Amino acid sequence: ISAGGARFISTASYSLGDRLVLETAPIDWEDPFSIICEIRRVTEIE
């Protein structure tokens, strides 16, 4: 993760250009983040 984007693995199926909300709490004492993202790269894995 960076301040401009993230890379993640999921079973959900998205396409290039799809927009979604990514929710995460990198630090346990911080409030969670809810960030709008746009898919820029897709790689199918096992």
PDB file of all heavy atoms in Angstrom:
ATOM      1  N   ILE A   1       0.841  -1.192   0.000  1.00  0.00           N
ATOM      2  CA  ILE A   1       0.000   0.000   0.000  1.00  0.00           C
ATOM      3  C   ILE A   1       0.878   1.243   0.000  1.00  0.00           C
ATOM      4  O   ILE A   1       1.994   1.235   0.530  1.00  0.00           O
ATOM      5  CB  ILE A   1      -0.948  -0.004   1.228  1.00  0.00           C
ATOM      6  CG1 ILE A   1      -2.022   1.083   1.108  1.00  0.00           C
ATOM      7  CG2 ILE A   1      -0.167   0.126   2.529  1.00  0.00           C
ATOM      8  CD1 ILE A   1      -3.134   0.933   2.146  1.00  0.00           C
ATOM      9  N   SER A   2       0.393   2.285  -0.642  1.00  0.00           N
ATOM     10  CA  SER A   2       1.041   3.589  -0.605  1.00  0.00           C
ATOM     11  C   SER A   2      -0.059   4.625  -0.409  1.00  0.00           C
ATOM     12  O   SER A   2      -1.233   4.278  -0.281  1.00  0.00           O
ATOM     13  CB  SER A   2       1.802   3.856  -1.909  1.00  0.00           C
ATOM     14  OG  SER A   2       0.897   4.152  -2.961  1.00  0.00           O
ATOM     15  N   ALA A   3       0.319   5.889  -0.416  1.00  0.00           N
ATOM     16  CA  ALA A   3      -0.691   6.939  -0.300  1.00  0.00           C
ATOM     17  C   ALA A   3      -1.429   7.153  -1.611  1.00  0.00           C
ATOM     18  O   ALA A   3      -2.360   7.943  -1.669  1.00  0.00           O
ATOM     19  CB  ALA A   3      -0.057   8.249   0.152  1.00  0.00           C
ATOM     20  N   GLY A   4      -1.021   6.446  -2.669  1.00  0.00           N
ATOM     21  CA  GLY A   4      -1.679   6.614  -3.961  1.00  0.00           C
ATOM     22  C   GLY A   4      -2.386   5.383  -4.480  1.00  0.00           C
ATOM     23  O   GLY A   4      -3.138   5.468  -5.450  1.00  0.00           O
ATOM     24  N   GLY A   5      -2.154   4.213  -3.847  1.00  0.00           N
ATOM     25  CA  GLY A   5      -2.792   2.998  -4.345  1.00  0.00           C
ATOM     26  C   GLY A   5      -2.419   1.794  -3.520  1.00  0.00           C
ATOM     27  O   GLY A   5      -1.712   1.892  -2.508  1.00  0.00           O
ATOM     28  N   ALA A   6      -2.900   0.622  -3.961  1.00  0.00           N
ATOM     29  CA  ALA A   6      -2.647  -0.615  -3.225  1.00  0.00           C
ATOM     30  C   ALA A   6      -2.676  -1.794  -4.184  1.00  0.00           C
ATOM     31  O   ALA A   6      -3.153  -1.696  -5.319  1.00  0.00           O
ATOM     32  CB  ALA A   6      -3.690  -0.806  -2.123  1.00  0.00           C
ATOM     33  N   ARG A   7      -2.148  -2.913  -3.703  1.00  0.00           N
ATOM     34  CA  ARG A   7      -2.183  -4.177  -4.436  1.00  0.00           C
ATOM     35  C   ARG A   7      -2.766  -5.213  -3.491  1.00  0.00           C
ATOM     36  O   ARG A   7      -2.328  -5.341  -2.346  1.00  0.00           O
ATOM     37  CB  ARG A   7      -0.767  -4.560  -4.881  1.00  0.00           C
ATOM     38  CG  ARG A   7      -0.671  -5.782  -5.774  1.00  0.00           C
ATOM     39  CD  ARG A   7       0.732  -5.875  -6.396  1.00  0.00           C
ATOM     40  NE  ARG A   7       1.770  -5.940  -5.380  1.00  0.00           N
ATOM     41  CZ  ARG A   7       2.344  -7.068  -4.961  1.00  0.00           C
ATOM     42  NH1 ARG A   7       1.957  -8.239  -5.457  1.00  0.00           N
ATOM     43  NH2 ARG A   7       3.304  -7.033  -4.056  1.00  0.00           N
ATOM     44  N   PHE A   8      -3.779  -5.956  -3.957  1.00  0.00           N
ATOM     45  CA  PHE A   8      -4.433  -6.903  -3.064  1.00  0.00           C
ATOM     46  C   PHE A   8      -4.872  -8.148  -3.828  1.00  0.00           C
ATOM     47  O   PHE A   8      -4.985  -8.160  -5.062  1.00  0.00           O
ATOM     48  CB  PHE A   8      -5.634  -6.249  -2.366  1.00  0.00           C
ATOM     49  CG  PHE A   8      -6.759  -5.844  -3.288  1.00  0.00           C
ATOM     50  CD1 PHE A   8      -7.808  -6.721  -3.582  1.00  0.00           C
ATOM     51  CD2 PHE A   8      -6.785  -4.581  -3.853  1.00  0.00           C
ATOM     52  CE1 PHE A   8      -8.843  -6.344  -4.419  1.00  0.00           C
ATOM     53  CE2 PHE A   8      -7.824  -4.190  -4.704  1.00  0.00           C
ATOM     54  CZ  PHE A   8      -8.858  -5.079  -4.987  1.00  0.00           C
ATOM     55  N   ILE A   9      -5.125  -9.222  -3.076  1.00  0.00           N
ATOM     56  CA  ILE A   9      -5.615 -10.486  -3.611  1.00  0.00           C
ATOM     57  C   ILE A   9      -7.027 -10.710  -3.102  1.00  0.00           C
ATOM     58  O   ILE A   9      -7.318 -10.496  -1.919  1.00  0.00           O
ATOM     59  CB  ILE A   9      -4.696 -11.649  -3.197  1.00  0.00           C
ATOM     60  CG1 ILE A   9      -3.345 -11.543  -3.911  1.00  0.00           C
ATOM     61  CG2 ILE A   9      -5.338 -12.998  -3.512  1.00  0.00           C
ATOM     62  CD1 ILE A   9      -2.349 -12.619  -3.493  1.00  0.00           C
ATOM     63  N   SER A  10      -7.913 -11.165  -4.000  1.00  0.00           N
ATOM     64  CA  SER A  10      -9.304 -11.378  -3.621  1.00  0.00           C
ATOM     65  C   SER A  10      -9.925 -12.441  -4.533  1.00  0.00           C
ATOM     66  O   SER A  10      -9.443 -12.673  -5.652  1.00  0.00           O
ATOM     67  CB  SER A  10     -10.092 -10.077  -3.736  1.00  0.00           C
ATOM     68  OG  SER A  10     -11.477 -10.289  -3.508  1.00  0.00           O
ATOM     69  N   THR A  11     -11.007 -13.070  -4.043  1.00  0.00           N
ATOM     70  CA  THR A  11     -11.776 -13.988  -4.884  1.00  0.00           C
ATOM     71  C   THR A  11     -12.815 -13.239  -5.712  1.00  0.00           C
ATOM     72  O   THR A  11     -13.416 -13.822  -6.619  1.00  0.00           O
ATOM     73  CB  THR A  11     -12.486 -15.044  -4.024  1.00  0.00           C
ATOM     74  OG1 THR A  11     -13.316 -14.384  -3.058  1.00  0.00           O
ATOM     75  CG2 THR A  11     -11.477 -15.922  -3.290  1.00  0.00           C
ATOM     76  N   ALA A  12     -13.053 -11.969  -5.391  1.00  0.00           N
ATOM     77  CA  ALA A  12     -14.018 -11.175  -6.148  1.00  0.00           C
ATOM     78  C   ALA A  12     -13.500 -10.920  -7.562  1.00  0.00           C
ATOM     79  O   ALA A  12     -12.288 -10.791  -7.771  1.00  0.00           O
ATOM     80  CB  ALA A  12     -14.287  -9.858  -5.442  1.00  0.00           C
ATOM     81  N   SER A  13     -14.402 -10.848  -8.515  1.00  0.00           N
ATOM     82  CA  SER A  13     -14.026 -10.633  -9.912  1.00  0.00           C
ATOM     83  C   SER A  13     -14.289  -9.185 -10.306  1.00  0.00           C
ATOM     84  O   SER A  13     -15.432  -8.727 -10.277  1.00  0.00           O
ATOM     85  CB  SER A  13     -14.825 -11.584 -10.814  1.00  0.00           C
ATOM     86  OG  SER A  13     -14.486 -11.379 -12.169  1.00  0.00           O
ATOM     87  N   TYR A  14     -13.204  -8.471 -10.656  1.00  0.00           N
ATOM     88  CA  TYR A  14     -13.313  -7.090 -11.126  1.00  0.00           C
ATOM     89  C   TYR A  14     -12.619  -6.982 -12.481  1.00  0.00           C
ATOM     90  O   TYR A  14     -11.767  -7.800 -12.834  1.00  0.00           O
ATOM     91  CB  TYR A  14     -12.647  -6.125 -10.134  1.00  0.00           C
ATOM     92  CG  TYR A  14     -13.253  -6.127  -8.756  1.00  0.00           C
ATOM     93  CD1 TYR A  14     -12.545  -6.655  -7.670  1.00  0.00           C
ATOM     94  CD2 TYR A  14     -14.515  -5.607  -8.529  1.00  0.00           C
ATOM     95  CE1 TYR A  14     -13.091  -6.659  -6.400  1.00  0.00           C
ATOM     96  CE2 TYR A  14     -15.070  -5.611  -7.260  1.00  0.00           C
ATOM     97  CZ  TYR A  14     -14.354  -6.138  -6.199  1.00  0.00           C
ATOM     98  OH  TYR A  14     -14.899  -6.153  -4.951  1.00  0.00           O
ATOM     99  N   SER A  15     -12.984  -5.944 -13.216  1.00  0.00           N
ATOM    100  CA  SER A  15     -12.390  -5.686 -14.524  1.00  0.00           C
ATOM    101  C   SER A  15     -11.630  -4.373 -14.488  1.00  0.00           C
ATOM    102  O   SER A  15     -11.828  -3.540 -13.583  1.00  0.00           O
ATOM    103  CB  SER A  15     -13.470  -5.623 -15.613  1.00  0.00           C
ATOM    104  OG  SER A  15     -14.196  -6.829 -15.661  1.00  0.00           O
ATOM    105  N   LEU A  16     -10.748  -4.178 -15.469  1.00  0.00           N
ATOM    106  CA  LEU A  16     -10.021  -2.921 -15.573  1.00  0.00           C
ATOM    107  C   LEU A  16     -11.006  -1.757 -15.640  1.00  0.00           C
ATOM    108  O   LEU A  16     -11.992  -1.801 -16.387  1.00  0.00           O
ATOM    109  CB  LEU A  16      -9.130  -2.912 -16.819  1.00  0.00           C
ATOM    110  CG  LEU A  16      -7.913  -3.844 -16.803  1.00  0.00           C
ATOM    111  CD1 LEU A  16      -7.205  -3.801 -18.157  1.00  0.00           C
ATOM    112  CD2 LEU A  16      -6.945  -3.454 -15.698  1.00  0.00           C
ATOM    113  N   GLY A  17     -10.740  -0.725 -14.845  1.00  0.00           N
ATOM    114  CA  GLY A  17     -11.602   0.449 -14.831  1.00  0.00           C
ATOM    115  C   GLY A  17     -12.714   0.397 -13.816  1.00  0.00           C
ATOM    116  O   GLY A  17     -13.354   1.425 -13.546  1.00  0.00           O
ATOM    117  N   ASP A  18     -12.979  -0.784 -13.234  1.00  0.00           N
ATOM    118  CA  ASP A  18     -14.013  -0.875 -12.196  1.00  0.00           C
ATOM    119  C   ASP A  18     -13.616  -0.048 -10.986  1.00  0.00           C
ATOM    120  O   ASP A  18     -12.431   0.024 -10.624  1.00  0.00           O
ATOM    121  CB  ASP A  18     -14.222  -2.327 -11.755  1.00  0.00           C
ATOM    122  CG  ASP A  18     -15.023  -3.137 -12.752  1.00  0.00           C
ATOM    123  OD1 ASP A  18     -15.509  -2.540 -13.738  1.00  0.00           O
ATOM    124  OD2 ASP A  18     -15.158  -4.363 -12.549  1.00  0.00           O
ATOM    125  N   ARG A  19     -14.624   0.536 -10.357  1.00  0.00           N
ATOM    126  CA  ARG A  19     -14.385   1.277  -9.113  1.00  0.00           C
ATOM    127  C   ARG A  19     -15.007   0.536  -7.947  1.00  0.00           C
ATOM    128  O   ARG A  19     -16.102  -0.022  -8.077  1.00  0.00           O
ATOM    129  CB  ARG A  19     -14.926   2.703  -9.212  1.00  0.00           C
ATOM    130  CG  ARG A  19     -14.139   3.557 -10.197  1.00  0.00           C
ATOM    131  CD  ARG A  19     -14.395   5.032 -10.030  1.00  0.00           C
ATOM    132  NE  ARG A  19     -13.515   5.813 -10.900  1.00  0.00           N
ATOM    133  CZ  ARG A  19     -13.429   7.136 -10.870  1.00  0.00           C
ATOM    134  NH1 ARG A  19     -14.171   7.835 -10.004  1.00  0.00           N
ATOM    135  NH2 ARG A  19     -12.597   7.772 -11.677  1.00  0.00           N
ATOM    136  N   LEU A  20     -14.303   0.542  -6.835  1.00  0.00           N
ATOM    137  CA  LEU A  20     -14.771  -0.160  -5.648  1.00  0.00           C
ATOM    138  C   LEU A  20     -14.323   0.599  -4.411  1.00  0.00           C
ATOM    139  O   LEU A  20     -13.539   1.546  -4.492  1.00  0.00           O
ATOM    140  CB  LEU A  20     -14.224  -1.588  -5.629  1.00  0.00           C
ATOM    141  CG  LEU A  20     -12.703  -1.739  -5.759  1.00  0.00           C
ATOM    142  CD1 LEU A  20     -12.055  -1.886  -4.387  1.00  0.00           C
ATOM    143  CD2 LEU A  20     -12.359  -2.926  -6.624  1.00  0.00           C
ATOM    144  N   VAL A  21     -14.830   0.171  -3.276  1.00  0.00           N
ATOM    145  CA  VAL A  21     -14.416   0.745  -1.994  1.00  0.00           C
ATOM    146  C   VAL A  21     -13.533  -0.275  -1.289  1.00  0.00           C
ATOM    147  O   VAL A  21     -13.920  -1.440  -1.123  1.00  0.00           O
ATOM    148  CB  VAL A  21     -15.628   1.095  -1.110  1.00  0.00           C
ATOM    149  CG1 VAL A  21     -15.161   1.604   0.257  1.00  0.00           C
ATOM    150  CG2 VAL A  21     -16.510   2.129  -1.793  1.00  0.00           C
ATOM    151  N   LEU A  22     -12.335   0.171  -0.905  1.00  0.00           N
ATOM    152  CA  LEU A  22     -11.404  -0.671  -0.155  1.00  0.00           C
ATOM    153  C   LEU A  22     -11.417  -0.221   1.296  1.00  0.00           C
ATOM    154  O   LEU A  22     -11.168   0.947   1.592  1.00  0.00           O
ATOM    155  CB  LEU A  22      -9.996  -0.556  -0.736  1.00  0.00           C
ATOM    156  CG  LEU A  22      -8.888  -1.334  -0.021  1.00  0.00           C
ATOM    157  CD1 LEU A  22      -9.125  -2.837  -0.118  1.00  0.00           C
ATOM    158  CD2 LEU A  22      -7.523  -0.968  -0.587  1.00  0.00           C
ATOM    159  N   GLU A  23     -11.731  -1.153   2.189  1.00  0.00           N
ATOM    160  CA  GLU A  23     -11.758  -0.856   3.621  1.00  0.00           C
ATOM    161  C   GLU A  23     -10.638  -1.624   4.311  1.00  0.00           C
ATOM    162  O   GLU A  23     -10.470  -2.820   4.087  1.00  0.00           O
ATOM    163  CB  GLU A  23     -13.108  -1.250   4.225  1.00  0.00           C
ATOM    164  CG  GLU A  23     -14.297  -0.521   3.608  1.00  0.00           C
ATOM    165  CD  GLU A  23     -15.620  -0.977   4.186  1.00  0.00           C
ATOM    166  OE1 GLU A  23     -15.612  -1.858   5.081  1.00  0.00           O
ATOM    167  OE2 GLU A  23     -16.658  -0.461   3.751  1.00  0.00           O
ATOM    168  N   THR A  24      -9.873  -0.935   5.137  1.00  0.00           N
ATOM    169  CA  THR A  24      -8.782  -1.585   5.862  1.00  0.00           C
ATOM    170  C   THR A  24      -8.363  -0.739   7.052  1.00  0.00           C
ATOM    171  O   THR A  24      -8.633   0.466   7.098  1.00  0.00           O
ATOM    172  CB  THR A  24      -7.565  -1.822   4.932  1.00  0.00           C
ATOM    173  OG1 THR A  24      -6.582  -2.588   5.625  1.00  0.00           O
ATOM    174  CG2 THR A  24      -6.943  -0.501   4.494  1.00  0.00           C
ATOM    175  N   ALA A  25      -7.706  -1.392   8.000  1.00  0.00           N
ATOM    176  CA  ALA A  25      -7.164  -0.706   9.187  1.00  0.00           C
ATOM    177  C   ALA A  25      -5.719  -1.157   9.352  1.00  0.00           C
ATOM    178  O   ALA A  25      -5.454  -2.137  10.069  1.00  0.00           O
ATOM    179  CB  ALA A  25      -7.994  -1.022  10.419  1.00  0.00           C
ATOM    180  N   PRO A  26      -4.757  -0.489   8.692  1.00  0.00           N
ATOM    181  CA  PRO A  26      -3.351  -0.916   8.771  1.00  0.00           C
ATOM    182  C   PRO A  26      -2.793  -0.914  10.189  1.00  0.00           C
ATOM    183  O   PRO A  26      -1.972  -1.756  10.538  1.00  0.00           O
ATOM    184  CB  PRO A  26      -2.623   0.110   7.889  1.00  0.00           C
ATOM    185  CG  PRO A  26      -3.676   0.704   7.017  1.00  0.00           C
ATOM    186  CD  PRO A  26      -4.929   0.674   7.812  1.00  0.00           C
ATOM    187  N   ILE A  27      -3.237   0.052  11.009  1.00  0.00           N
ATOM    188  CA  ILE A  27      -2.763   0.183  12.386  1.00  0.00           C
ATOM    189  C   ILE A  27      -3.951  -0.022  13.315  1.00  0.00           C
ATOM    190  O   ILE A  27      -4.992   0.625  13.152  1.00  0.00           O
ATOM    191  CB  ILE A  27      -2.135   1.571  12.627  1.00  0.00           C
ATOM    192  CG1 ILE A  27      -1.060   1.850  11.574  1.00  0.00           C
ATOM    193  CG2 ILE A  27      -1.551   1.648  14.025  1.00  0.00           C
ATOM    194  CD1 ILE A  27       0.069   0.856  11.547  1.00  0.00           C
ATOM    195  N   ASP A  28      -3.804  -0.898  14.308  1.00  0.00           N
ATOM    196  CA  ASP A  28      -4.953  -1.299  15.115  1.00  0.00           C
ATOM    197  C   ASP A  28      -5.573  -0.151  15.906  1.00  0.00           C
ATOM    198  O   ASP A  28      -6.768  -0.164  16.187  1.00  0.00           O
ATOM    199  CB  ASP A  28      -4.584  -2.464  16.042  1.00  0.00           C
ATOM    200  CG  ASP A  28      -3.282  -2.232  16.791  1.00  0.00           C
ATOM    201  OD1 ASP A  28      -2.807  -1.083  16.823  1.00  0.00           O
ATOM    202  OD2 ASP A  28      -2.743  -3.207  17.368  1.00  0.00           O
ATOM    203  N   TRP A  29      -4.775   0.865  16.287  1.00  0.00           N
ATOM    204  CA  TRP A  29      -5.352   1.949  17.087  1.00  0.00           C
ATOM    205  C   TRP A  29      -5.902   3.093  16.229  1.00  0.00           C
ATOM    206  O   TRP A  29      -6.468   4.044  16.750  1.00  0.00           O
ATOM    207  CB  TRP A  29      -4.325   2.497  18.082  1.00  0.00           C
ATOM    208  CG  TRP A  29      -3.146   3.178  17.445  1.00  0.00           C
ATOM    209  CD1 TRP A  29      -3.096   4.452  16.974  1.00  0.00           C
ATOM    210  CD2 TRP A  29      -1.853   2.619  17.213  1.00  0.00           C
ATOM    211  NE1 TRP A  29      -1.854   4.736  16.459  1.00  0.00           N
ATOM    212  CE2 TRP A  29      -1.058   3.625  16.592  1.00  0.00           C
ATOM    213  CE3 TRP A  29      -1.280   1.380  17.465  1.00  0.00           C
ATOM    214  CZ2 TRP A  29       0.261   3.409  16.231  1.00  0.00           C
ATOM    215  CZ3 TRP A  29       0.035   1.180  17.103  1.00  0.00           C
ATOM    216  CH2 TRP A  29       0.781   2.169  16.502  1.00  0.00           C
ATOM    217  N   GLU A  30      -5.727   3.023  14.911  1.00  0.00           N
ATOM    218  CA  GLU A  30      -6.233   4.049  14.007  1.00  0.00           C
ATOM    219  C   GLU A  30      -7.638   3.695  13.544  1.00  0.00           C
ATOM    220  O   GLU A  30      -8.008   2.521  13.456  1.00  0.00           O
ATOM    221  CB  GLU A  30      -5.327   4.179  12.778  1.00  0.00           C
ATOM    222  CG  GLU A  30      -4.075   5.000  13.011  1.00  0.00           C
ATOM    223  CD  GLU A  30      -4.306   6.492  12.819  1.00  0.00           C
ATOM    224  OE1 GLU A  30      -5.472   6.901  12.690  1.00  0.00           O
ATOM    225  OE2 GLU A  30      -3.315   7.231  12.819  1.00  0.00           O
ATOM    226  N   ASP A  31      -8.443   4.718  13.230  1.00  0.00           N
ATOM    227  CA  ASP A  31      -9.749   4.468  12.625  1.00  0.00           C
ATOM    228  C   ASP A  31      -9.553   3.817  11.265  1.00  0.00           C
ATOM    229  O   ASP A  31      -8.582   4.128  10.551  1.00  0.00           O
ATOM    230  CB  ASP A  31     -10.517   5.784  12.465  1.00  0.00           C
ATOM    231  CG  ASP A  31     -10.941   6.383  13.794  1.00  0.00           C
ATOM    232  OD1 ASP A  31     -11.082   5.610  14.761  1.00  0.00           O
ATOM    233  OD2 ASP A  31     -11.126   7.615  13.863  1.00  0.00           O
ATOM    234  N   PRO A  32     -10.447   2.913  10.861  1.00  0.00           N
ATOM    235  CA  PRO A  32     -10.308   2.259   9.559  1.00  0.00           C
ATOM    236  C   PRO A  32     -10.402   3.266   8.417  1.00  0.00           C
ATOM    237  O   PRO A  32     -10.999   4.335   8.551  1.00  0.00           O
ATOM    238  CB  PRO A  32     -11.484   1.273   9.527  1.00  0.00           C
ATOM    239  CG  PRO A  32     -11.931   1.126  10.942  1.00  0.00           C
ATOM    240  CD  PRO A  32     -11.621   2.422  11.613  1.00  0.00           C
ATOM    241  N   PHE A  33      -9.822   2.884   7.281  1.00  0.00           N
ATOM    242  CA  PHE A  33      -9.913   3.681   6.069  1.00  0.00           C
ATOM    243  C   PHE A  33     -10.981   3.081   5.157  1.00  0.00           C
ATOM    244  O   PHE A  33     -11.134   1.859   5.091  1.00  0.00           O
ATOM    245  CB  PHE A  33      -8.571   3.693   5.329  1.00  0.00           C
ATOM    246  CG  PHE A  33      -7.488   4.434   6.049  1.00  0.00           C
ATOM    247  CD1 PHE A  33      -6.661   3.781   6.947  1.00  0.00           C
ATOM    248  CD2 PHE A  33      -7.296   5.790   5.829  1.00  0.00           C
ATOM    249  CE1 PHE A  33      -5.657   4.468   7.617  1.00  0.00           C
ATOM    250  CE2 PHE A  33      -6.300   6.487   6.495  1.00  0.00           C
ATOM    251  CZ  PHE A  33      -5.487   5.824   7.394  1.00  0.00           C
ATOM    252  N   SER A  34     -11.690   3.938   4.460  1.00  0.00           N
ATOM    253  CA  SER A  34     -12.657   3.529   3.449  1.00  0.00           C
ATOM    254  C   SER A  34     -12.353   4.366   2.208  1.00  0.00           C
ATOM    255  O   SER A  34     -12.697   5.556   2.160  1.00  0.00           O
ATOM    256  CB  SER A  34     -14.091   3.750   3.940  1.00  0.00           C
ATOM    257  OG  SER A  34     -15.028   3.308   2.980  1.00  0.00           O
ATOM    258  N   ILE A  35     -11.702   3.753   1.207  1.00  0.00           N
ATOM    259  CA  ILE A  35     -11.110   4.493   0.101  1.00  0.00           C
ATOM    260  C   ILE A  35     -11.683   4.008  -1.227  1.00  0.00           C
ATOM    261  O   ILE A  35     -11.738   2.797  -1.480  1.00  0.00           O
ATOM    262  CB  ILE A  35      -9.576   4.319   0.086  1.00  0.00           C
ATOM    263  CG1 ILE A  35      -8.982   4.677   1.455  1.00  0.00           C
ATOM    264  CG2 ILE A  35      -8.949   5.171  -0.998  1.00  0.00           C
ATOM    265  CD1 ILE A  35      -7.511   4.334   1.589  1.00  0.00           C
ATOM    266  N   ILE A  36     -12.079   4.938  -2.067  1.00  0.00           N
ATOM    267  CA  ILE A  36     -12.544   4.589  -3.409  1.00  0.00           C
ATOM    268  C   ILE A  36     -11.329   4.305  -4.287  1.00  0.00           C
ATOM    269  O   ILE A  36     -10.363   5.079  -4.299  1.00  0.00           O
ATOM    270  CB  ILE A  36     -13.389   5.717  -4.023  1.00  0.00           C
ATOM    271  CG1 ILE A  36     -14.627   5.970  -3.167  1.00  0.00           C
ATOM    272  CG2 ILE A  36     -13.794   5.379  -5.463  1.00  0.00           C
ATOM    273  CD1 ILE A  36     -15.458   7.147  -3.623  1.00  0.00           C
ATOM    274  N   CYS A  37     -11.356   3.181  -5.007  1.00  0.00           N
ATOM    275  CA  CYS A  37     -10.245   2.753  -5.845  1.00  0.00           C
ATOM    276  C   CYS A  37     -10.725   2.492  -7.270  1.00  0.00           C
ATOM    277  O   CYS A  37     -11.900   2.201  -7.497  1.00  0.00           O
ATOM    278  CB  CYS A  37      -9.634   1.451  -5.329  1.00  0.00           C
ATOM    279  SG  CYS A  37      -9.175   1.467  -3.601  1.00  0.00           S
ATOM    280  N   GLU A  38      -9.784   2.564  -8.184  1.00  0.00           N
ATOM    281  CA  GLU A  38     -10.049   2.161  -9.561  1.00  0.00           C
ATOM    282  C   GLU A  38      -9.059   1.064  -9.934  1.00  0.00           C
ATOM    283  O   GLU A  38      -7.846   1.215  -9.732  1.00  0.00           O
ATOM    284  CB  GLU A  38      -9.912   3.344 -10.512  1.00  0.00           C
ATOM    285  CG  GLU A  38     -10.213   2.989 -11.956  1.00  0.00           C
ATOM    286  CD  GLU A  38     -10.214   4.200 -12.867  1.00  0.00           C
ATOM    287  OE1 GLU A  38     -11.016   5.135 -12.623  1.00  0.00           O
ATOM    288  OE2 GLU A  38      -9.405   4.219 -13.818  1.00  0.00           O
ATOM    289  N   ILE A  39      -9.577  -0.034 -10.480  1.00  0.00           N
ATOM    290  CA  ILE A  39      -8.723  -1.160 -10.850  1.00  0.00           C
ATOM    291  C   ILE A  39      -7.890  -0.787 -12.077  1.00  0.00           C
ATOM    292  O   ILE A  39      -8.420  -0.407 -13.113  1.00  0.00           O
ATOM    293  CB  ILE A  39      -9.558  -2.421 -11.148  1.00  0.00           C
ATOM    294  CG1 ILE A  39     -10.352  -2.840  -9.908  1.00  0.00           C
ATOM    295  CG2 ILE A  39      -8.659  -3.561 -11.627  1.00  0.00           C
ATOM    296  CD1 ILE A  39      -9.507  -3.248  -8.729  1.00  0.00           C
ATOM    297  N   ARG A  40      -6.557  -0.906 -11.937  1.00  0.00           N
ATOM    298  CA  ARG A  40      -5.639  -0.584 -13.030  1.00  0.00           C
ATOM    299  C   ARG A  40      -4.898  -1.809 -13.553  1.00  0.00           C
ATOM    300  O   ARG A  40      -4.319  -1.768 -14.634  1.00  0.00           O
ATOM    301  CB  ARG A  40      -4.626   0.470 -12.556  1.00  0.00           C
ATOM    302  CG  ARG A  40      -5.244   1.834 -12.269  1.00  0.00           C
ATOM    303  CD  ARG A  40      -5.852   2.423 -13.533  1.00  0.00           C
ATOM    304  NE  ARG A  40      -6.383   3.752 -13.343  1.00  0.00           N
ATOM    305  CZ  ARG A  40      -5.675   4.867 -13.516  1.00  0.00           C
ATOM    306  NH1 ARG A  40      -4.391   4.779 -13.871  1.00  0.00           N
ATOM    307  NH2 ARG A  40      -6.221   6.028 -13.340  1.00  0.00           N
ATOM    308  N   ARG A  41      -4.892  -2.914 -12.797  1.00  0.00           N
ATOM    309  CA  ARG A  41      -4.186  -4.114 -13.230  1.00  0.00           C
ATOM    310  C   ARG A  41      -4.881  -5.333 -12.637  1.00  0.00           C
ATOM    311  O   ARG A  41      -5.282  -5.325 -11.472  1.00  0.00           O
ATOM    312  CB  ARG A  41      -2.720  -4.075 -12.787  1.00  0.00           C
ATOM    313  CG  ARG A  41      -1.875  -5.184 -13.375  1.00  0.00           C
ATOM    314  CD  ARG A  41      -0.403  -5.084 -12.939  1.00  0.00           C
ATOM    315  NE  ARG A  41      -0.223  -5.348 -11.523  1.00  0.00           N
ATOM    316  CZ  ARG A  41      -0.019  -4.424 -10.603  1.00  0.00           C
ATOM    317  NH1 ARG A  41       0.027  -3.145 -10.947  1.00  0.00           N
ATOM    318  NH2 ARG A  41       0.145  -4.743  -9.330  1.00  0.00           N
ATOM    319  N   VAL A  42      -5.026  -6.375 -13.463  1.00  0.00           N
ATOM    320  CA  VAL A  42      -5.665  -7.621 -13.027  1.00  0.00           C
ATOM    321  C   VAL A  42      -4.775  -8.792 -13.431  1.00  0.00           C
ATOM    322  O   VAL A  42      -4.363  -8.897 -14.591  1.00  0.00           O
ATOM    323  CB  VAL A  42      -7.059  -7.797 -13.658  1.00  0.00           C
ATOM    324  CG1 VAL A  42      -7.702  -9.092 -13.150  1.00  0.00           C
ATOM    325  CG2 VAL A  42      -7.963  -6.600 -13.361  1.00  0.00           C
ATOM    326  N   THR A  43      -4.486  -9.680 -12.475  1.00  0.00           N
ATOM    327  CA  THR A  43      -3.712 -10.894 -12.751  1.00  0.00           C
ATOM    328  C   THR A  43      -4.422 -12.072 -12.109  1.00  0.00           C
ATOM    329  O   THR A  43      -4.672 -12.069 -10.901  1.00  0.00           O
ATOM    330  CB  THR A  43      -2.283 -10.796 -12.176  1.00  0.00           C
ATOM    331  OG1 THR A  43      -1.646  -9.619 -12.686  1.00  0.00           O
ATOM    332  CG2 THR A  43      -1.470 -12.011 -12.562  1.00  0.00           C
ATOM    333  N   GLU A  44      -4.766 -13.064 -12.905  1.00  0.00           N
ATOM    334  CA  GLU A  44      -5.411 -14.257 -12.364  1.00  0.00           C
ATOM    335  C   GLU A  44      -4.354 -15.177 -11.775  1.00  0.00           C
ATOM    336  O   GLU A  44      -3.302 -15.425 -12.374  1.00  0.00           O
ATOM    337  CB  GLU A  44      -6.178 -14.983 -13.465  1.00  0.00           C
ATOM    338  CG  GLU A  44      -7.045 -16.113 -12.939  1.00  0.00           C
ATOM    339  CD  GLU A  44      -7.959 -16.692 -14.001  1.00  0.00           C
ATOM    340  OE1 GLU A  44      -7.977 -16.170 -15.140  1.00  0.00           O
ATOM    341  OE2 GLU A  44      -8.655 -17.687 -13.694  1.00  0.00           O
ATOM    342  N   ILE A  45      -4.600 -15.661 -10.577  1.00  0.00           N
ATOM    343  CA  ILE A  45      -3.661 -16.551  -9.904  1.00  0.00           C
ATOM    344  C   ILE A  45      -4.380 -17.842  -9.527  1.00  0.00           C
ATOM    345  O   ILE A  45      -5.587 -17.987  -9.741  1.00  0.00           O
ATOM    346  CB  ILE A  45      -3.030 -15.893  -8.666  1.00  0.00           C
ATOM    347  CG1 ILE A  45      -4.116 -15.454  -7.668  1.00  0.00           C
ATOM    348  CG2 ILE A  45      -2.190 -14.694  -9.057  1.00  0.00           C
ATOM    349  CD1 ILE A  45      -3.552 -14.833  -6.406  1.00  0.00           C
ATOM    350  N   GLU A  46      -3.644 -18.797  -8.956  1.00  0.00           N
ATOM    351  CA  GLU A  46      -4.223 -20.101  -8.640  1.00  0.00           C
ATOM    352  C   GLU A  46      -5.280 -19.988  -7.544  1.00  0.00           C
ATOM    353  O   GLU A  46      -5.296 -19.057  -6.752  1.00  0.00           O
ATOM    354  CB  GLU A  46      -3.116 -21.060  -8.198  1.00  0.00           C
ATOM    355  CG  GLU A  46      -2.099 -21.391  -9.284  1.00  0.00           C
ATOM    356  CD  GLU A  46      -1.037 -22.345  -8.796  1.00  0.00           C
ATOM    357  OE1 GLU A  46      -1.116 -22.751  -7.620  1.00  0.00           O
ATOM    358  OE2 GLU A  46      -0.143 -22.689  -9.581  1.00  0.00           O
TER     359      GLU A  46
END
